[in-house]
């Protein structure tokens, strides 16, 4: 009798962890969408400010939009943390992956005045690719893996194609393309997959 009760408790615990893991999988897609849209909006805004408006402080789109995205992510992350009953290996792996990404991103931004903003953005495109490639592997979600590979390929091509590097505006467009294929498209596909699984 006692063994049977223990088995039921174990099965219930496993069931709860699987359910929670699926919920985390779905909720994680929102972060790809928040940051995907934020980067796309900031990049396209900067492109317009450079080429259409010819505004001198065109870079200002980034701190404004990224701050809003950061606040939104923090609020959603805190709510998610409060409702989360189990911390899975996937949760921990993703936390360290994207924590490392942020540290490396700030390192690139810090050295950008020395190496130039064009090369810095190309490095960031490669980082987007690396982050989503590893995330796709952890989540076993092929669209994220494919998006990550595509962004890393774009970063390498940018180094060898003068048409991209000769103009900062072209680098901005490359960044926008990268974020669409590595964050937005996989993010929406991830959301659709989890909605279908839930149904």
N, C-alpha and C. Protein backbone atom coordinates (compact mmCIF):
# COMPACT_ATOMS: atom_id res chain seq x y z
N UNK A 1 0.83 -1.21 0.00
CA UNK A 1 0.00 0.00 0.00
C UNK A 1 0.86 1.26 0.00
N UNK A 2 1.87 1.25 0.88
CA UNK A 2 2.76 2.41 0.99
C UNK A 2 3.55 2.62 -0.30
N UNK A 3 4.01 1.50 -0.88
CA UNK A 3 4.75 1.59 -2.14
C UNK A 3 3.87 2.16 -3.24
N UNK A 4 2.62 1.72 -3.28
CA UNK A 4 1.69 2.21 -4.28
C UNK A 4 1.46 3.72 -4.14
N UNK A 5 1.34 4.18 -2.90
CA UNK A 5 1.15 5.60 -2.63
C UNK A 5 2.38 6.39 -3.08
N UNK A 6 3.57 5.89 -2.77
CA UNK A 6 4.81 6.54 -3.19
C UNK A 6 4.91 6.60 -4.71
N UNK A 7 4.49 5.51 -5.37
CA UNK A 7 4.52 5.50 -6.84
C UNK A 7 3.58 6.54 -7.41
N UNK A 8 2.39 6.66 -6.80
CA UNK A 8 1.43 7.66 -7.27
C UNK A 8 1.98 9.07 -7.10
N UNK A 9 2.62 9.31 -5.95
CA UNK A 9 3.22 10.63 -5.70
C UNK A 9 4.32 10.92 -6.71
N UNK A 10 5.13 9.91 -6.99
CA UNK A 10 6.22 10.08 -7.96
C UNK A 10 5.67 10.38 -9.35
N UNK A 11 4.64 9.62 -9.74
CA UNK A 11 4.03 9.85 -11.05
C UNK A 11 3.40 11.24 -11.14
N UNK A 12 2.76 11.67 -10.04
CA UNK A 12 2.15 13.00 -10.02
C UNK A 12 3.21 14.09 -10.12
N UNK A 13 4.35 13.88 -9.44
CA UNK A 13 5.46 14.83 -9.50
C UNK A 13 6.00 14.93 -10.92
N UNK A 14 6.19 13.78 -11.56
CA UNK A 14 6.68 13.75 -12.95
C UNK A 14 5.70 14.43 -13.88
N UNK A 15 4.40 14.15 -13.69
CA UNK A 15 3.36 14.77 -14.51
C UNK A 15 3.39 16.30 -14.36
N UNK A 16 3.51 16.75 -13.12
CA UNK A 16 3.56 18.19 -12.86
C UNK A 16 4.79 18.85 -13.51
N UNK A 17 5.92 18.15 -13.45
CA UNK A 17 7.15 18.69 -14.05
C UNK A 17 7.01 18.77 -15.56
N UNK A 18 6.39 17.76 -16.18
CA UNK A 18 6.19 17.78 -17.63
C UNK A 18 5.25 18.93 -18.02
N UNK A 19 4.16 19.06 -17.26
CA UNK A 19 3.20 20.15 -17.53
C UNK A 19 3.87 21.50 -17.38
N UNK A 20 4.66 21.64 -16.30
CA UNK A 20 5.35 22.91 -16.06
C UNK A 20 6.39 23.18 -17.15
N UNK A 21 7.07 22.11 -17.59
CA UNK A 21 8.06 22.27 -18.66
C UNK A 21 7.42 22.75 -19.95
N UNK A 22 6.24 22.21 -20.28
CA UNK A 22 5.53 22.66 -21.48
C UNK A 22 5.11 24.11 -21.35
N UNK A 23 4.65 24.50 -20.15
CA UNK A 23 4.24 25.87 -19.93
C UNK A 23 5.44 26.80 -20.08
N UNK A 24 6.58 26.41 -19.51
CA UNK A 24 7.80 27.23 -19.63
C UNK A 24 8.23 27.36 -21.08
N UNK A 25 8.08 26.26 -21.83
CA UNK A 25 8.42 26.24 -23.25
C UNK A 25 7.63 27.31 -23.99
N UNK A 26 6.30 27.35 -23.71
CA UNK A 26 5.43 28.33 -24.36
C UNK A 26 5.78 29.75 -23.92
N UNK A 27 5.92 29.94 -22.61
CA UNK A 27 6.17 31.29 -22.08
C UNK A 27 7.51 31.82 -22.55
N UNK A 28 8.47 30.92 -22.80
CA UNK A 28 9.78 31.35 -23.27
C UNK A 28 9.73 32.02 -24.62
N UNK A 29 8.73 31.67 -25.44
CA UNK A 29 8.63 32.26 -26.78
C UNK A 29 8.40 33.76 -26.72
N UNK A 30 7.79 34.25 -25.66
CA UNK A 30 7.49 35.68 -25.56
C UNK A 30 8.77 36.51 -25.53
N UNK A 31 9.84 35.96 -24.96
CA UNK A 31 11.09 36.72 -24.87
C UNK A 31 11.73 36.88 -26.25
N UNK A 32 11.63 35.84 -27.09
CA UNK A 32 12.13 35.97 -28.47
C UNK A 32 11.34 37.05 -29.22
N UNK A 33 10.03 37.08 -28.97
CA UNK A 33 9.19 38.06 -29.67
C UNK A 33 9.43 39.48 -29.16
N UNK A 34 9.57 39.64 -27.85
CA UNK A 34 9.84 40.98 -27.29
C UNK A 34 11.14 41.53 -27.85
N UNK A 35 12.21 40.75 -27.72
CA UNK A 35 13.52 41.24 -28.15
C UNK A 35 13.64 41.28 -29.67
N UNK A 36 12.97 40.37 -30.35
CA UNK A 36 12.98 40.40 -31.81
C UNK A 36 12.35 41.68 -32.34
N UNK A 37 11.17 42.01 -31.84
CA UNK A 37 10.50 43.23 -32.29
C UNK A 37 11.24 44.48 -31.84
N UNK A 38 11.81 44.44 -30.64
CA UNK A 38 12.55 45.61 -30.14
C UNK A 38 13.77 45.90 -31.01
N UNK A 39 14.55 44.88 -31.32
CA UNK A 39 15.74 45.06 -32.15
C UNK A 39 15.35 45.48 -33.56
N UNK A 40 14.31 44.84 -34.11
CA UNK A 40 13.88 45.19 -35.46
C UNK A 40 13.41 46.65 -35.52
N UNK A 41 12.63 47.05 -34.54
CA UNK A 41 12.13 48.43 -34.51
C UNK A 41 13.27 49.43 -34.33
N UNK A 42 14.21 49.11 -33.43
CA UNK A 42 15.35 50.02 -33.21
C UNK A 42 16.23 50.11 -34.45
N UNK A 43 16.50 48.97 -35.09
CA UNK A 43 17.35 48.96 -36.28
C UNK A 43 16.73 49.69 -37.45
N UNK A 44 15.43 49.44 -37.70
CA UNK A 44 14.76 50.12 -38.81
C UNK A 44 14.60 51.61 -38.53
N UNK A 45 14.34 51.96 -37.26
CA UNK A 45 14.24 53.38 -36.90
C UNK A 45 15.56 54.10 -37.13
N UNK A 46 16.65 53.45 -36.73
CA UNK A 46 17.96 54.06 -36.94
C UNK A 46 18.25 54.21 -38.43
N UNK A 47 17.88 53.20 -39.20
CA UNK A 47 18.07 53.26 -40.66
C UNK A 47 17.32 54.45 -41.26
N UNK A 48 16.07 54.64 -40.84
CA UNK A 48 15.27 55.77 -41.35
C UNK A 48 15.87 57.10 -40.90
N UNK A 49 16.30 57.17 -39.65
CA UNK A 49 16.87 58.42 -39.14
C UNK A 49 18.17 58.79 -39.87
N UNK A 50 18.92 57.78 -40.31
CA UNK A 50 20.16 58.04 -41.05
C UNK A 50 19.86 58.45 -42.49
N UNK A 51 19.00 57.68 -43.15
CA UNK A 51 18.85 57.81 -44.60
C UNK A 51 17.70 58.71 -45.05
N UNK A 52 16.71 58.88 -44.22
CA UNK A 52 15.56 59.70 -44.61
C UNK A 52 15.56 61.03 -43.87
N UNK A 53 15.62 60.96 -42.53
CA UNK A 53 15.56 62.17 -41.72
C UNK A 53 16.92 62.87 -41.64
N UNK A 54 17.99 62.07 -41.76
CA UNK A 54 19.37 62.56 -41.60
C UNK A 54 19.57 63.21 -40.24
N UNK A 55 19.08 62.52 -39.22
CA UNK A 55 19.18 63.00 -37.84
C UNK A 55 20.52 62.59 -37.25
N UNK A 56 21.20 63.53 -36.65
CA UNK A 56 22.58 63.30 -36.18
C UNK A 56 22.63 62.26 -35.06
N UNK A 57 21.68 62.30 -34.14
CA UNK A 57 21.69 61.36 -33.00
C UNK A 57 20.82 60.14 -33.29
N UNK A 58 21.01 59.55 -34.46
CA UNK A 58 20.21 58.40 -34.89
C UNK A 58 20.36 57.20 -33.97
N UNK A 59 21.44 57.11 -33.24
CA UNK A 59 21.71 56.00 -32.33
C UNK A 59 20.74 55.97 -31.14
N UNK A 60 20.05 57.09 -30.89
CA UNK A 60 19.21 57.21 -29.70
C UNK A 60 18.05 56.21 -29.68
N UNK A 61 17.71 55.64 -30.83
CA UNK A 61 16.61 54.67 -30.85
C UNK A 61 16.92 53.45 -29.98
N UNK A 62 18.21 53.08 -29.92
CA UNK A 62 18.59 51.86 -29.19
C UNK A 62 18.37 51.96 -27.69
N UNK A 63 18.94 52.96 -26.99
CA UNK A 63 18.72 52.97 -25.54
C UNK A 63 17.25 53.10 -25.15
N UNK A 64 16.47 53.85 -25.94
CA UNK A 64 15.05 54.04 -25.61
C UNK A 64 14.29 52.72 -25.77
N UNK A 65 14.40 52.11 -26.94
CA UNK A 65 13.62 50.89 -27.22
C UNK A 65 14.12 49.71 -26.40
N UNK A 66 15.44 49.59 -26.22
CA UNK A 66 15.97 48.47 -25.44
C UNK A 66 15.60 48.58 -23.97
N UNK A 67 15.50 49.81 -23.45
CA UNK A 67 15.07 50.00 -22.06
C UNK A 67 13.63 49.54 -21.88
N UNK A 68 12.77 49.90 -22.82
CA UNK A 68 11.37 49.46 -22.76
C UNK A 68 11.28 47.94 -22.82
N UNK A 69 12.04 47.33 -23.74
CA UNK A 69 12.05 45.86 -23.87
C UNK A 69 12.59 45.21 -22.61
N UNK A 70 13.61 45.82 -22.01
CA UNK A 70 14.19 45.28 -20.78
C UNK A 70 13.20 45.29 -19.64
N UNK A 71 12.45 46.39 -19.51
CA UNK A 71 11.45 46.49 -18.44
C UNK A 71 10.35 45.45 -18.67
N UNK A 72 9.88 45.34 -19.91
CA UNK A 72 8.83 44.36 -20.23
C UNK A 72 9.30 42.94 -19.92
N UNK A 73 10.54 42.62 -20.31
CA UNK A 73 11.08 41.27 -20.04
C UNK A 73 11.23 41.01 -18.55
N UNK A 74 11.67 42.04 -17.80
CA UNK A 74 11.85 41.88 -16.36
C UNK A 74 10.51 41.62 -15.67
N UNK A 75 9.48 42.36 -16.06
CA UNK A 75 8.15 42.18 -15.46
C UNK A 75 7.62 40.78 -15.76
N UNK A 76 7.71 40.37 -17.02
CA UNK A 76 7.23 39.03 -17.41
C UNK A 76 8.04 37.94 -16.72
N UNK A 77 9.36 38.15 -16.65
CA UNK A 77 10.23 37.18 -15.99
C UNK A 77 9.91 37.03 -14.52
N UNK A 78 9.61 38.15 -13.83
CA UNK A 78 9.27 38.08 -12.40
C UNK A 78 7.95 37.35 -12.18
N UNK A 79 6.98 37.64 -13.06
CA UNK A 79 5.69 36.95 -12.95
C UNK A 79 5.84 35.45 -13.20
N UNK A 80 6.65 35.14 -14.19
CA UNK A 80 6.91 33.73 -14.52
C UNK A 80 7.60 33.04 -13.35
N UNK A 81 8.57 33.73 -12.73
CA UNK A 81 9.30 33.15 -11.61
C UNK A 81 8.41 32.88 -10.41
N UNK A 82 7.44 33.79 -10.17
CA UNK A 82 6.54 33.62 -9.02
C UNK A 82 5.60 32.44 -9.21
N UNK A 83 5.17 32.21 -10.45
CA UNK A 83 4.21 31.13 -10.70
C UNK A 83 4.88 29.79 -10.96
N UNK A 84 6.20 29.80 -11.10
CA UNK A 84 6.92 28.56 -11.45
C UNK A 84 7.17 27.72 -10.21
N UNK A 85 6.69 26.48 -10.24
CA UNK A 85 6.85 25.59 -9.09
C UNK A 85 8.10 24.73 -9.19
N UNK A 86 8.53 24.44 -10.42
CA UNK A 86 9.69 23.58 -10.63
C UNK A 86 10.70 24.29 -11.51
N UNK A 87 11.97 24.13 -11.19
CA UNK A 87 13.04 24.65 -12.04
C UNK A 87 13.67 23.46 -12.75
N UNK A 88 13.53 23.42 -14.06
CA UNK A 88 14.05 22.30 -14.83
C UNK A 88 15.48 22.58 -15.29
N UNK A 89 16.12 21.53 -15.80
CA UNK A 89 17.46 21.71 -16.37
C UNK A 89 17.43 22.72 -17.51
N UNK A 90 16.36 22.67 -18.31
CA UNK A 90 16.21 23.60 -19.43
C UNK A 90 16.18 25.04 -18.93
N UNK A 91 15.44 25.29 -17.86
CA UNK A 91 15.38 26.64 -17.28
C UNK A 91 16.77 27.12 -16.90
N UNK A 92 17.52 26.26 -16.22
CA UNK A 92 18.86 26.64 -15.75
C UNK A 92 19.81 26.87 -16.92
N UNK A 93 19.76 25.96 -17.91
CA UNK A 93 20.64 26.10 -19.08
C UNK A 93 20.36 27.40 -19.83
N UNK A 94 19.07 27.72 -20.01
CA UNK A 94 18.71 28.93 -20.74
C UNK A 94 19.12 30.18 -19.96
N UNK A 95 18.98 30.12 -18.65
CA UNK A 95 19.37 31.27 -17.82
C UNK A 95 20.85 31.59 -17.99
N UNK A 96 21.70 30.55 -17.95
CA UNK A 96 23.14 30.79 -18.09
C UNK A 96 23.52 31.17 -19.52
N UNK A 97 22.85 30.56 -20.50
CA UNK A 97 23.13 30.90 -21.89
C UNK A 97 22.88 32.38 -22.15
N UNK A 98 21.67 32.85 -21.82
CA UNK A 98 21.32 34.23 -22.13
C UNK A 98 21.95 35.22 -21.15
N UNK A 99 22.29 34.76 -19.96
CA UNK A 99 23.07 35.61 -19.05
C UNK A 99 24.45 35.88 -19.63
N UNK A 100 25.09 34.82 -20.16
CA UNK A 100 26.38 34.97 -20.82
C UNK A 100 26.29 35.84 -22.05
N UNK A 101 25.18 35.70 -22.79
CA UNK A 101 24.94 36.53 -23.97
C UNK A 101 24.93 38.01 -23.60
N UNK A 102 24.22 38.35 -22.54
CA UNK A 102 24.12 39.76 -22.11
C UNK A 102 25.49 40.30 -21.70
N UNK A 103 26.26 39.51 -20.97
CA UNK A 103 27.60 39.94 -20.56
C UNK A 103 28.47 40.21 -21.78
N UNK A 104 28.44 39.28 -22.74
CA UNK A 104 29.25 39.44 -23.96
C UNK A 104 28.76 40.61 -24.80
N UNK A 105 27.43 40.82 -24.82
CA UNK A 105 26.87 41.95 -25.56
C UNK A 105 27.39 43.28 -25.00
N UNK A 106 27.38 43.42 -23.69
CA UNK A 106 27.87 44.66 -23.08
C UNK A 106 29.38 44.84 -23.31
N UNK A 107 30.10 43.72 -23.38
CA UNK A 107 31.53 43.79 -23.69
C UNK A 107 31.74 44.36 -25.09
N UNK A 108 30.96 43.87 -26.06
CA UNK A 108 31.06 44.38 -27.44
C UNK A 108 30.69 45.86 -27.49
N UNK A 109 29.61 46.24 -26.81
CA UNK A 109 29.19 47.64 -26.81
C UNK A 109 30.25 48.54 -26.18
N UNK A 110 30.94 48.00 -25.19
CA UNK A 110 31.99 48.77 -24.51
C UNK A 110 33.17 49.05 -25.44
N UNK A 111 33.52 48.05 -26.28
CA UNK A 111 34.68 48.23 -27.16
C UNK A 111 34.29 48.79 -28.53
N UNK A 112 33.00 49.00 -28.76
CA UNK A 112 32.54 49.48 -30.07
C UNK A 112 33.19 50.78 -30.53
N UNK A 113 33.40 51.77 -29.63
CA UNK A 113 34.07 52.99 -30.10
C UNK A 113 35.47 52.73 -30.66
N UNK A 114 36.14 51.68 -30.19
CA UNK A 114 37.48 51.36 -30.69
C UNK A 114 37.44 50.59 -32.02
N UNK A 115 36.50 49.65 -32.15
CA UNK A 115 36.51 48.80 -33.35
C UNK A 115 35.52 49.29 -34.41
N UNK A 116 34.63 50.20 -34.04
CA UNK A 116 33.64 50.72 -34.99
C UNK A 116 32.29 50.05 -34.82
N UNK A 117 31.21 50.79 -35.12
CA UNK A 117 29.87 50.25 -34.91
C UNK A 117 29.50 49.21 -35.96
N UNK A 118 29.98 49.36 -37.18
CA UNK A 118 29.69 48.36 -38.21
C UNK A 118 30.19 46.98 -37.81
N UNK A 119 31.50 46.84 -37.51
CA UNK A 119 32.01 45.54 -37.06
C UNK A 119 31.33 45.03 -35.79
N UNK A 120 30.97 45.95 -34.89
CA UNK A 120 30.30 45.54 -33.65
C UNK A 120 28.95 44.91 -33.95
N UNK A 121 28.19 45.52 -34.85
CA UNK A 121 26.88 44.97 -35.19
C UNK A 121 27.01 43.61 -35.87
N UNK A 122 28.06 43.44 -36.67
CA UNK A 122 28.27 42.14 -37.31
C UNK A 122 28.57 41.07 -36.25
N UNK A 123 29.37 41.44 -35.25
CA UNK A 123 29.63 40.51 -34.14
C UNK A 123 28.33 40.16 -33.42
N UNK A 124 27.47 41.15 -33.24
CA UNK A 124 26.19 40.92 -32.54
C UNK A 124 25.29 40.01 -33.36
N UNK A 125 25.31 40.16 -34.69
CA UNK A 125 24.54 39.24 -35.56
C UNK A 125 25.00 37.80 -35.31
N UNK A 126 26.31 37.61 -35.25
CA UNK A 126 26.84 36.28 -34.96
C UNK A 126 26.40 35.77 -33.60
N UNK A 127 26.34 36.69 -32.61
CA UNK A 127 25.87 36.31 -31.27
C UNK A 127 24.42 35.89 -31.28
N UNK A 128 23.58 36.63 -32.03
CA UNK A 128 22.17 36.23 -32.14
C UNK A 128 22.10 34.80 -32.66
N UNK A 129 22.90 34.53 -33.68
CA UNK A 129 22.91 33.20 -34.26
C UNK A 129 23.34 32.14 -33.27
N UNK A 130 24.41 32.42 -32.55
CA UNK A 130 24.92 31.45 -31.57
C UNK A 130 23.88 31.19 -30.48
N UNK A 131 23.29 32.27 -29.96
CA UNK A 131 22.32 32.12 -28.87
C UNK A 131 21.10 31.30 -29.27
N UNK A 132 20.57 31.60 -30.46
CA UNK A 132 19.37 30.87 -30.88
C UNK A 132 19.70 29.44 -31.33
N UNK A 133 20.91 29.24 -31.86
CA UNK A 133 21.33 27.88 -32.23
C UNK A 133 21.38 26.99 -30.99
N UNK A 134 22.02 27.49 -29.92
CA UNK A 134 22.13 26.70 -28.69
C UNK A 134 20.75 26.53 -28.04
N UNK A 135 19.95 27.60 -28.04
CA UNK A 135 18.59 27.51 -27.48
C UNK A 135 17.78 26.45 -28.21
N UNK A 136 17.88 26.45 -29.54
CA UNK A 136 17.16 25.45 -30.33
C UNK A 136 17.60 24.04 -29.99
N UNK A 137 18.90 23.87 -29.73
CA UNK A 137 19.39 22.56 -29.34
C UNK A 137 18.87 22.14 -27.97
N UNK A 138 18.85 23.07 -27.03
CA UNK A 138 18.36 22.77 -25.68
C UNK A 138 16.87 22.43 -25.72
N UNK A 139 16.11 23.22 -26.49
CA UNK A 139 14.66 23.01 -26.57
C UNK A 139 14.26 21.94 -27.59
N UNK A 140 15.26 21.48 -28.37
CA UNK A 140 15.02 20.53 -29.46
C UNK A 140 13.96 21.08 -30.41
N UNK A 141 14.20 22.34 -30.83
CA UNK A 141 13.27 23.04 -31.72
C UNK A 141 14.04 23.49 -32.95
N UNK A 142 13.82 22.79 -34.07
CA UNK A 142 14.63 22.97 -35.27
C UNK A 142 14.57 24.37 -35.88
N UNK A 143 13.42 25.07 -35.87
CA UNK A 143 13.42 26.42 -36.44
C UNK A 143 14.38 27.39 -35.74
N UNK A 144 14.55 27.25 -34.43
CA UNK A 144 15.53 28.06 -33.72
C UNK A 144 16.94 27.70 -34.16
N UNK A 145 17.20 26.42 -34.30
CA UNK A 145 18.52 25.97 -34.76
C UNK A 145 18.81 26.53 -36.15
N UNK A 146 17.84 26.40 -37.05
CA UNK A 146 18.02 26.89 -38.43
C UNK A 146 18.21 28.40 -38.46
N UNK A 147 17.43 29.12 -37.66
CA UNK A 147 17.58 30.58 -37.59
C UNK A 147 18.93 30.97 -37.06
N UNK A 148 19.42 30.23 -36.08
CA UNK A 148 20.74 30.51 -35.53
C UNK A 148 21.84 30.29 -36.55
N UNK A 149 21.76 29.18 -37.28
CA UNK A 149 22.76 28.89 -38.33
C UNK A 149 22.73 29.98 -39.39
N UNK A 150 21.52 30.40 -39.79
CA UNK A 150 21.39 31.42 -40.83
C UNK A 150 22.03 32.74 -40.38
N UNK A 151 21.83 33.12 -39.13
CA UNK A 151 22.43 34.37 -38.63
C UNK A 151 23.95 34.28 -38.57
N UNK A 152 24.47 33.12 -38.15
CA UNK A 152 25.92 32.97 -38.11
C UNK A 152 26.51 33.02 -39.52
N UNK A 153 25.80 32.43 -40.49
CA UNK A 153 26.25 32.50 -41.88
C UNK A 153 26.24 33.94 -42.39
N UNK A 154 25.18 34.69 -42.05
CA UNK A 154 25.11 36.10 -42.44
C UNK A 154 26.29 36.91 -41.88
N UNK A 155 26.65 36.63 -40.62
CA UNK A 155 27.77 37.34 -40.00
C UNK A 155 29.07 37.05 -40.72
N UNK A 156 29.28 35.79 -41.09
CA UNK A 156 30.51 35.42 -41.82
C UNK A 156 30.51 36.04 -43.21
N UNK A 157 29.37 35.98 -43.91
CA UNK A 157 29.28 36.58 -45.24
C UNK A 157 29.56 38.08 -45.20
N UNK A 158 29.07 38.74 -44.15
CA UNK A 158 29.26 40.18 -44.03
C UNK A 158 30.73 40.56 -43.99
N UNK A 159 31.54 39.71 -43.41
CA UNK A 159 32.97 39.99 -43.31
C UNK A 159 33.63 39.96 -44.69
N UNK A 160 33.12 39.07 -45.56
CA UNK A 160 33.77 38.88 -46.87
C UNK A 160 33.07 39.61 -48.02
N UNK A 161 31.93 40.25 -47.74
CA UNK A 161 31.23 40.97 -48.80
C UNK A 161 31.33 42.48 -48.56
N UNK A 162 32.18 43.17 -49.33
CA UNK A 162 32.36 44.61 -49.13
C UNK A 162 31.08 45.42 -49.26
N UNK A 163 30.12 44.92 -50.07
CA UNK A 163 28.87 45.67 -50.26
C UNK A 163 28.14 45.86 -48.94
N UNK A 164 28.34 44.95 -48.01
CA UNK A 164 27.70 45.06 -46.70
C UNK A 164 28.49 45.98 -45.79
N UNK A 165 29.79 45.75 -45.70
CA UNK A 165 30.60 46.49 -44.74
C UNK A 165 30.93 47.91 -45.18
N UNK A 166 30.75 48.22 -46.45
CA UNK A 166 31.12 49.57 -46.91
C UNK A 166 30.11 50.62 -46.45
N UNK A 167 28.94 50.18 -46.02
CA UNK A 167 27.91 51.12 -45.58
C UNK A 167 27.33 50.66 -44.26
N UNK A 168 27.31 51.56 -43.27
CA UNK A 168 26.72 51.22 -41.97
C UNK A 168 25.23 50.92 -42.12
N UNK A 169 24.56 51.60 -43.05
CA UNK A 169 23.14 51.34 -43.30
C UNK A 169 22.92 49.91 -43.75
N UNK A 170 23.82 49.38 -44.57
CA UNK A 170 23.70 47.99 -45.02
C UNK A 170 23.88 47.01 -43.85
N UNK A 171 24.78 47.37 -42.93
CA UNK A 171 24.98 46.53 -41.74
C UNK A 171 23.71 46.53 -40.89
N UNK A 172 23.06 47.69 -40.80
CA UNK A 172 21.79 47.78 -40.06
C UNK A 172 20.73 46.86 -40.66
N UNK A 173 20.65 46.87 -41.99
CA UNK A 173 19.68 46.00 -42.66
C UNK A 173 20.02 44.53 -42.42
N UNK A 174 21.30 44.21 -42.42
CA UNK A 174 21.73 42.84 -42.13
C UNK A 174 21.29 42.44 -40.72
N UNK A 175 21.46 43.34 -39.76
CA UNK A 175 21.04 43.10 -38.39
C UNK A 175 19.54 42.84 -38.33
N UNK A 176 18.76 43.62 -39.06
CA UNK A 176 17.30 43.46 -39.08
C UNK A 176 16.90 42.12 -39.69
N UNK A 177 17.55 41.75 -40.78
CA UNK A 177 17.27 40.44 -41.41
C UNK A 177 17.60 39.32 -40.44
N UNK A 178 18.73 39.46 -39.76
CA UNK A 178 19.17 38.44 -38.81
C UNK A 178 18.16 38.25 -37.69
N UNK A 179 17.63 39.34 -37.16
CA UNK A 179 16.71 39.23 -36.03
C UNK A 179 15.38 38.62 -36.45
N UNK A 180 14.98 38.88 -37.69
CA UNK A 180 13.74 38.28 -38.19
C UNK A 180 13.89 36.77 -38.31
N UNK A 181 15.02 36.31 -38.87
CA UNK A 181 15.17 34.87 -39.10
C UNK A 181 15.60 34.09 -37.86
N UNK A 182 16.23 34.77 -36.89
CA UNK A 182 16.71 34.03 -35.73
C UNK A 182 15.82 34.19 -34.50
N UNK A 183 15.02 35.27 -34.43
CA UNK A 183 14.16 35.49 -33.26
C UNK A 183 12.67 35.44 -33.62
N UNK A 184 12.26 36.29 -34.58
CA UNK A 184 10.83 36.48 -34.81
C UNK A 184 10.15 35.27 -35.44
N UNK A 185 10.69 34.78 -36.56
CA UNK A 185 10.06 33.63 -37.21
C UNK A 185 10.06 32.41 -36.28
N UNK A 186 11.22 32.03 -35.69
CA UNK A 186 11.18 30.89 -34.75
C UNK A 186 10.31 31.16 -33.52
N UNK A 187 10.30 32.42 -33.05
CA UNK A 187 9.49 32.76 -31.88
C UNK A 187 8.01 32.53 -32.12
N UNK A 188 7.52 32.96 -33.29
CA UNK A 188 6.11 32.73 -33.63
C UNK A 188 5.83 31.24 -33.86
N UNK A 189 6.79 30.54 -34.47
CA UNK A 189 6.61 29.10 -34.69
C UNK A 189 6.59 28.34 -33.37
N UNK A 190 7.43 28.78 -32.44
CA UNK A 190 7.47 28.16 -31.11
C UNK A 190 6.16 28.38 -30.38
N UNK A 191 5.63 29.59 -30.49
CA UNK A 191 4.35 29.90 -29.85
C UNK A 191 3.21 29.08 -30.47
N UNK A 192 3.22 28.96 -31.80
CA UNK A 192 2.19 28.18 -32.47
C UNK A 192 2.27 26.71 -32.09
N UNK A 193 3.51 26.20 -31.99
CA UNK A 193 3.70 24.78 -31.65
C UNK A 193 3.15 24.49 -30.25
N UNK A 194 3.46 25.36 -29.29
CA UNK A 194 3.00 25.11 -27.93
C UNK A 194 1.48 25.28 -27.83
N UNK A 195 0.91 26.20 -28.61
CA UNK A 195 -0.55 26.36 -28.61
C UNK A 195 -1.22 25.11 -29.18
N UNK A 196 -0.64 24.54 -30.24
CA UNK A 196 -1.18 23.32 -30.85
C UNK A 196 -1.05 22.15 -29.90
N UNK A 197 0.12 22.07 -29.19
CA UNK A 197 0.33 20.99 -28.24
C UNK A 197 -0.68 21.06 -27.09
N UNK A 198 -0.97 22.31 -26.67
CA UNK A 198 -1.92 22.50 -25.57
C UNK A 198 -3.31 22.09 -25.97
N UNK A 199 -3.64 22.36 -27.28
CA UNK A 199 -4.96 21.99 -27.78
C UNK A 199 -5.04 20.47 -27.95
